Amino acid sequence: MIRIFKWVTKDTNINFMKSTKITYAISTTLILLAVACITLKGFNFGIDFSGGILMEIKSPEVIDVDAMRDTLGKLDIDELNLQSMGEDGTEIVIRAQAKTLDEKAQMGIINQIKEALGSAYEYRRIDLVGPQVGDELKKDGVIASVIAILAITAYIWFRFEWQFAFGAIIGLIHDILVTVGLLSLFQMDFSLTTVAAILTLAGYSVNDTVVTYDRIRENLRKYKKMNQTDLLNKSINDILSRTILTGFTTLFASLALLIWGGDTLRSFAFTIFWGVIIGTYSSIYVSTAFLAFFDLRASQNEEAINPFGNA
């Protein structure tokens, strides 16, 4: 495996800034499509947010999903959804959205399902969320996400000059918006686990951007006469080995979760997997490319004159 990436450790001289016009168009298109998906399709909220019942059951034999759907269809249950899981066909997930029912009524539905199916099944997981709890969790999830993004923004604002801060913020918003747009497009389960994955994505994206920004500031001091575009390219190339090796390590781990983690972790693993890709892309073609619009040396000179400015 190390030999595959041996070339990465060598000095590279890739002109990343040459293709910024194309990447601007790609990023703009992705954002517009993400907004369209969120507006038109919305999210497939899990029971964490919408309220309802989730049951994972296992049978000693292959489950006939259609026959089970007919059996449960005779019950007075709204929005019943059955989904097979696993490769051998012996496991299934039952979701019953019950937004208007209290927890006592939902427990009654669980008992009805158990009676209808009989005792031949093993009930591996039963989750129940009332409608009020679901609304509270949805509100808390939004608040937690906003606080995390604001905290990251505040750190970058004080850590770097304002141009760097704006670039990092734009990259962060780009990554989150495109990711949630994909979740909406594929109607993947959007739950508290997904929110945790989005926050993890935000941390990864900002970390990659901060490492790049540190190298840019270091090179600004080291190469005082180098053209700014060349300096941005050199800074990205300087840390390219770190970016690729770190990215692939995380990708392989998230890919394993995506393939073998099951339905419960699918949205989490997908968000992390895609987040690594889009986070690496944005650190180069969004956050760093944004700096090309400013004269960074002039800002550096102002910082030298005013030592009490941002560090």
Protein backbone atom coordinates (compact mmCIF):
# COMPACT_ATOMS: atom_id res chain seq x y z
CA MET A 1 0.00 0.00 0.00
CA ILE A 2 2.84 2.40 0.83
CA ARG A 3 4.41 1.75 -2.58
CA ILE A 4 1.20 2.79 -4.31
CA PHE A 5 1.51 6.28 -2.80
CA LYS A 6 5.30 6.47 -3.01
CA TRP A 7 5.10 9.13 -5.72
CA VAL A 8 3.23 11.42 -3.33
CA THR A 9 6.29 11.83 -1.13
CA LYS A 10 8.25 13.33 -4.02
CA ASP A 11 8.26 17.04 -4.82
CA THR A 12 5.19 17.85 -6.93
CA ASN A 13 4.56 20.94 -8.99
CA ILE A 14 0.89 20.82 -9.94
CA ASN A 15 -0.71 24.07 -11.11
CA PHE A 16 -3.93 23.86 -9.10
CA MET A 17 -4.86 27.51 -9.64
CA LYS A 18 -4.91 27.03 -13.42
CA SER A 19 -8.26 25.25 -13.34
CA THR A 20 -10.07 27.53 -10.88
CA LYS A 21 -12.54 28.83 -13.49
CA ILE A 22 -13.72 25.26 -14.10
CA THR A 23 -13.90 24.48 -10.38
CA TYR A 24 -15.82 27.70 -9.70
CA ALA A 25 -18.43 26.52 -12.22
CA ILE A 26 -18.50 23.02 -10.68
CA SER A 27 -18.92 24.35 -7.13
CA THR A 28 -21.63 26.82 -8.17
CA THR A 29 -23.52 24.06 -9.98
CA LEU A 30 -23.25 21.70 -6.99
CA ILE A 31 -24.56 24.36 -4.62
CA LEU A 32 -27.50 25.25 -6.89
CA LEU A 33 -28.40 21.57 -7.30
CA ALA A 34 -28.13 21.04 -3.54
CA VAL A 35 -30.46 23.96 -2.81
CA ALA A 36 -32.91 22.68 -5.43
CA CYS A 37 -32.92 19.17 -3.91
CA ILE A 38 -33.41 20.47 -0.38
CA THR A 39 -36.23 22.78 -1.51
CA LEU A 40 -38.06 20.29 -3.73
CA LYS A 41 -37.43 16.93 -2.03
CA GLY A 42 -36.70 17.88 1.57
CA PHE A 43 -35.15 15.32 3.92
CA ASN A 44 -36.02 11.78 4.85
CA PHE A 45 -36.09 12.39 8.59
CA GLY A 46 -35.55 9.33 10.73
CA ILE A 47 -37.62 8.61 13.80
CA ASP A 48 -35.16 10.68 15.85
CA PHE A 49 -36.70 13.79 14.30
CA SER A 50 -40.10 12.76 12.95
CA GLY A 51 -41.25 10.51 15.75
CA GLY A 52 -42.25 6.90 15.24
CA ILE A 53 -41.18 3.29 15.67
CA LEU A 54 -38.20 1.37 14.34
CA MET A 55 -37.84 -2.38 14.76
CA GLU A 56 -35.02 -4.60 13.55
CA ILE A 57 -35.98 -8.27 13.53
CA LYS A 58 -34.29 -11.49 12.46
CA SER A 59 -35.82 -14.74 11.30
CA PRO A 60 -34.26 -18.22 11.24
CA GLU A 61 -35.45 -18.44 7.62
CA VAL A 62 -35.51 -16.12 4.61
CA ILE A 63 -38.21 -13.48 5.13
CA ASP A 64 -40.92 -13.06 2.54
CA VAL A 65 -41.16 -9.26 2.60
CA ASP A 66 -44.37 -9.09 0.53
CA ALA A 67 -46.14 -11.62 2.76
CA MET A 68 -45.04 -9.75 5.89
CA ARG A 69 -46.21 -6.46 4.36
CA ASP A 70 -49.64 -8.01 3.68
CA THR A 71 -49.81 -9.29 7.25
CA LEU A 72 -48.92 -5.96 8.84
CA GLY A 73 -51.05 -4.06 6.32
CA LYS A 74 -54.16 -5.43 8.05
CA LEU A 75 -53.20 -3.48 11.18
CA ASP A 76 -54.26 0.12 11.73
CA ILE A 77 -50.79 1.60 11.17
CA ASP A 78 -50.01 4.69 9.10
CA GLU A 79 -46.89 5.00 6.87
CA LEU A 80 -45.59 1.48 7.39
CA ASN A 81 -42.28 0.76 5.65
CA LEU A 82 -40.43 -2.58 5.46
CA GLN A 83 -36.83 -2.81 4.28
CA SER A 84 -34.75 -5.95 3.97
CA MET A 85 -31.20 -5.77 5.33
CA GLY A 86 -28.21 -8.05 5.16
CA GLU A 87 -27.27 -10.43 2.36
CA ASP A 88 -29.04 -13.61 3.48
CA GLY A 89 -32.55 -12.11 3.58
CA THR A 90 -33.18 -13.12 7.20
CA GLU A 91 -33.19 -9.59 8.63
CA ILE A 92 -35.64 -6.77 8.11
CA VAL A 93 -36.26 -3.24 9.37
CA ILE A 94 -39.81 -2.11 10.13
CA ARG A 95 -40.45 1.62 10.29
CA ALA A 96 -43.79 3.02 11.36
CA GLN A 97 -44.19 6.79 11.35
CA ALA A 98 -46.54 7.75 14.15
CA LYS A 99 -46.25 11.51 14.39
CA THR A 100 -49.66 12.07 15.97
CA LEU A 101 -49.53 9.29 18.57
CA ASP A 102 -48.21 9.50 22.10
CA GLU A 103 -45.74 6.96 23.49
CA LYS A 104 -48.47 4.81 25.07
CA ALA A 105 -50.26 4.47 21.73
CA GLN A 106 -46.96 3.68 20.00
CA MET A 107 -46.25 0.90 22.52
CA GLY A 108 -49.65 -0.50 21.60
CA ILE A 109 -48.59 -0.57 17.92
CA ILE A 110 -45.39 -2.43 18.83
CA ASN A 111 -47.44 -5.05 20.68
CA GLN A 112 -49.77 -5.38 17.68
CA ILE A 113 -46.82 -5.99 15.35
CA LYS A 114 -45.37 -8.63 17.67
CA GLU A 115 -48.72 -10.41 17.94
CA ALA A 116 -49.22 -10.35 14.17
CA LEU A 117 -45.76 -11.73 13.43
CA GLY A 118 -45.71 -14.34 16.17
CA SER A 119 -42.84 -15.63 18.27
CA ALA A 120 -40.65 -16.97 15.49
CA TYR A 121 -38.72 -13.72 15.17
CA GLU A 122 -35.87 -12.28 17.21
CA TYR A 123 -36.39 -8.59 17.98
CA ARG A 124 -32.88 -7.16 17.92
CA ARG A 125 -33.73 -3.49 18.22
CA ILE A 126 -36.83 -1.48 19.09
CA ASP A 127 -36.67 2.33 19.08
CA LEU A 128 -39.60 4.55 19.95
CA VAL A 129 -39.66 8.34 19.75
CA GLY A 130 -42.70 10.44 20.58
CA PRO A 131 -43.65 13.40 18.37
CA GLN A 132 -42.73 16.01 20.99
CA VAL A 133 -39.36 14.40 21.62
CA GLY A 134 -38.73 14.24 17.86
CA ASP A 135 -39.41 17.98 17.48
CA GLU A 136 -37.11 18.75 20.42
CA LEU A 137 -34.32 16.59 18.99
CA LYS A 138 -34.68 18.29 15.60
CA LYS A 139 -34.44 21.71 17.26
CA ASP A 140 -31.47 20.66 19.39
CA GLY A 141 -29.71 19.19 16.35
CA VAL A 142 -30.02 22.47 14.44
CA ILE A 143 -28.83 24.48 17.46
CA ALA A 144 -25.83 22.19 17.99
CA SER A 145 -24.85 22.46 14.33
CA VAL A 146 -25.12 26.25 14.31
CA ILE A 147 -23.11 26.59 17.53
CA ALA A 148 -20.39 24.30 16.18
CA ILE A 149 -20.13 26.25 12.92
CA LEU A 150 -20.03 29.59 14.77
CA ALA A 151 -17.31 28.28 17.11
CA ILE A 152 -15.23 27.11 14.14
CA THR A 153 -15.76 30.47 12.44
CA ALA A 154 -14.68 32.37 15.56
CA TYR A 155 -11.50 30.29 15.87
CA ILE A 156 -10.48 30.88 12.25
CA TRP A 157 -11.32 34.59 12.48
CA PHE A 158 -8.89 35.05 15.39
CA ARG A 159 -6.33 32.56 14.07
CA PHE A 160 -5.93 34.13 10.61
CA GLU A 161 -6.48 37.39 8.77
CA TRP A 162 -10.02 38.15 7.64
CA GLN A 163 -9.39 36.99 4.05
CA PHE A 164 -8.40 33.55 5.31
CA ALA A 165 -11.39 33.49 7.65
CA PHE A 166 -13.84 34.26 4.85
CA GLY A 167 -12.24 31.64 2.61
CA ALA A 168 -12.54 28.96 5.31
CA ILE A 169 -16.15 29.91 6.07
CA ILE A 170 -17.12 29.76 2.39
CA GLY A 171 -15.45 26.36 2.08
CA LEU A 172 -17.24 25.08 5.18
CA ILE A 173 -20.65 26.27 3.97
CA HIS A 174 -19.90 24.78 0.54
CA ASP A 175 -19.09 21.35 2.02
CA ILE A 176 -22.08 21.19 4.36
CA LEU A 177 -24.57 22.44 1.77
CA VAL A 178 -23.43 20.03 -0.95
CA THR A 179 -23.40 17.12 1.50
CA VAL A 180 -26.91 17.69 2.85
CA GLY A 181 -28.04 18.20 -0.75
CA LEU A 182 -26.81 14.68 -1.57
CA LEU A 183 -28.56 13.30 1.50
CA SER A 184 -31.75 14.93 0.23
CA LEU A 185 -31.22 13.69 -3.34
CA PHE A 186 -30.78 10.05 -2.30
CA GLN A 187 -33.37 10.39 0.50
CA MET A 188 -31.00 8.84 2.99
CA ASP A 189 -32.05 8.57 6.59
CA PHE A 190 -31.46 11.93 8.32
CA SER A 191 -31.08 11.36 12.05
CA LEU A 192 -28.96 12.42 15.01
CA THR A 193 -26.26 10.09 13.75
CA THR A 194 -26.25 11.99 10.46
CA VAL A 195 -25.93 15.30 12.32
CA ALA A 196 -22.90 13.88 14.14
CA ALA A 197 -21.39 12.90 10.77
CA ILE A 198 -21.99 16.41 9.38
CA LEU A 199 -20.23 17.96 12.37
CA THR A 200 -17.36 15.50 11.89
CA LEU A 201 -17.22 16.54 8.23
CA ALA A 202 -17.07 20.20 9.27
CA GLY A 203 -14.14 19.51 11.60
CA TYR A 204 -12.26 17.53 8.94
CA SER A 205 -12.82 20.18 6.28
CA VAL A 206 -11.66 23.04 8.50
CA ASN A 207 -8.63 21.06 9.72
CA ASP A 208 -7.50 20.47 6.14
CA THR A 209 -8.01 24.15 5.32
CA VAL A 210 -6.11 25.34 8.41
CA VAL A 211 -3.11 23.16 7.53
CA THR A 212 -3.05 24.67 4.03
CA TYR A 213 -3.43 28.20 5.39
CA ASP A 214 -0.55 27.69 7.83
CA ARG A 215 1.74 26.71 4.96
CA ILE A 216 0.58 29.71 2.91
CA ARG A 217 1.39 32.14 5.73
CA GLU A 218 4.75 30.45 6.26
CA ASN A 219 5.60 30.76 2.56
CA LEU A 220 4.49 34.39 2.49
CA ARG A 221 7.21 35.14 5.00
CA LYS A 222 9.76 32.86 3.34
CA TYR A 223 9.29 33.82 -0.32
CA LYS A 224 8.75 37.55 -0.29
CA LYS A 225 9.19 38.04 -4.04
CA MET A 226 7.34 34.97 -5.33
CA ASN A 227 4.22 35.58 -7.42
CA GLN A 228 1.13 35.04 -5.27
CA THR A 229 -0.45 32.46 -7.60
CA ASP A 230 2.80 30.49 -7.66
CA LEU A 231 2.98 30.75 -3.89
CA LEU A 232 -0.54 29.34 -3.48
CA ASN A 233 0.34 26.44 -5.79
CA LYS A 234 3.59 25.77 -3.94
CA SER A 235 1.83 25.78 -0.57
CA ILE A 236 -0.71 23.20 -1.74
CA ASN A 237 2.02 21.04 -3.28
CA ASP A 238 4.09 21.25 -0.09
CA ILE A 239 1.38 19.48 1.92
CA LEU A 240 -0.06 17.35 -0.89
CA SER A 241 1.41 14.14 0.50
CA ARG A 242 -0.14 14.79 3.89
CA THR A 243 -3.50 15.64 2.30
CA ILE A 244 -3.63 12.52 0.13
CA LEU A 245 -2.39 10.05 2.72
CA THR A 246 -4.71 11.41 5.44
CA GLY A 247 -7.63 11.51 3.03
CA PHE A 248 -7.17 7.94 1.78
CA THR A 249 -6.80 6.61 5.32
CA THR A 250 -10.12 8.15 6.32
CA LEU A 251 -11.74 7.09 3.04
CA PHE A 252 -10.84 3.43 3.55
CA ALA A 253 -12.21 3.46 7.10
CA SER A 254 -15.49 5.12 6.06
CA LEU A 255 -15.77 2.84 3.02
CA ALA A 256 -15.58 -0.20 5.28
CA LEU A 257 -18.42 1.23 7.38
CA LEU A 258 -20.41 2.02 4.24
CA ILE A 259 -20.10 -1.53 2.90
CA TRP A 260 -20.35 -3.60 6.08
CA GLY A 261 -21.87 -1.21 8.62
CA GLY A 262 -25.48 -2.04 7.74
CA ASP A 263 -28.47 0.24 7.34
CA THR A 264 -28.06 1.79 10.76
CA LEU A 265 -24.69 3.35 9.88
CA ARG A 266 -25.23 3.86 6.15
CA SER A 267 -26.09 7.58 6.25
CA PHE A 268 -23.29 8.23 8.76
CA ALA A 269 -20.68 6.37 6.69
CA PHE A 270 -21.86 7.96 3.44
CA THR A 271 -21.62 11.46 4.95
CA ILE A 272 -18.09 10.82 6.22
CA PHE A 273 -17.01 9.20 2.94
CA TRP A 274 -18.34 12.02 0.78
CA GLY A 275 -17.19 14.61 3.35
CA VAL A 276 -13.54 13.55 2.97
CA ILE A 277 -13.76 13.96 -0.81
CA ILE A 278 -15.57 17.29 -0.83
CA GLY A 279 -13.53 18.59 2.13
CA THR A 280 -10.23 17.90 0.34
CA TYR A 281 -11.59 19.46 -2.85
CA SER A 282 -12.85 22.60 -1.11
CA SER A 283 -9.65 23.20 0.86
CA ILE A 284 -7.87 23.60 -2.50
CA TYR A 285 -10.43 24.88 -4.97
CA VAL A 286 -12.72 26.90 -2.69
CA SER A 287 -10.93 28.11 0.44
CA THR A 288 -7.44 28.51 -1.05
CA ALA A 289 -8.64 29.65 -4.48
CA PHE A 290 -10.69 32.37 -2.73
CA LEU A 291 -7.42 33.94 -1.49
CA ALA A 292 -6.37 34.65 -5.09
CA PHE A 293 -8.83 37.55 -5.13
CA PHE A 294 -6.81 39.44 -2.47
CA ASP A 295 -3.34 40.88 -2.11
CA LEU A 296 -2.09 38.77 0.77
CA ARG A 297 1.26 40.54 0.97
CA ALA A 298 -0.42 43.87 1.59
CA SER A 299 -2.37 42.29 4.47
CA GLN A 300 0.84 40.78 5.81
CA ASN A 301 2.52 44.18 5.75
CA GLU A 302 -0.43 45.70 7.61
CA GLU A 303 -0.11 42.95 10.22
CA ALA A 304 3.58 43.76 10.62
CA ILE A 305 2.78 47.43 11.15
CA ASN A 306 -0.08 46.60 13.56
CA PRO A 307 1.20 43.74 15.74
CA PHE A 308 -2.05 43.78 17.75
CA GLY A 309 -4.06 42.58 14.76
CA ASN A 310 -5.19 39.02 14.22
CA ALA A 311 -2.49 36.41 14.86
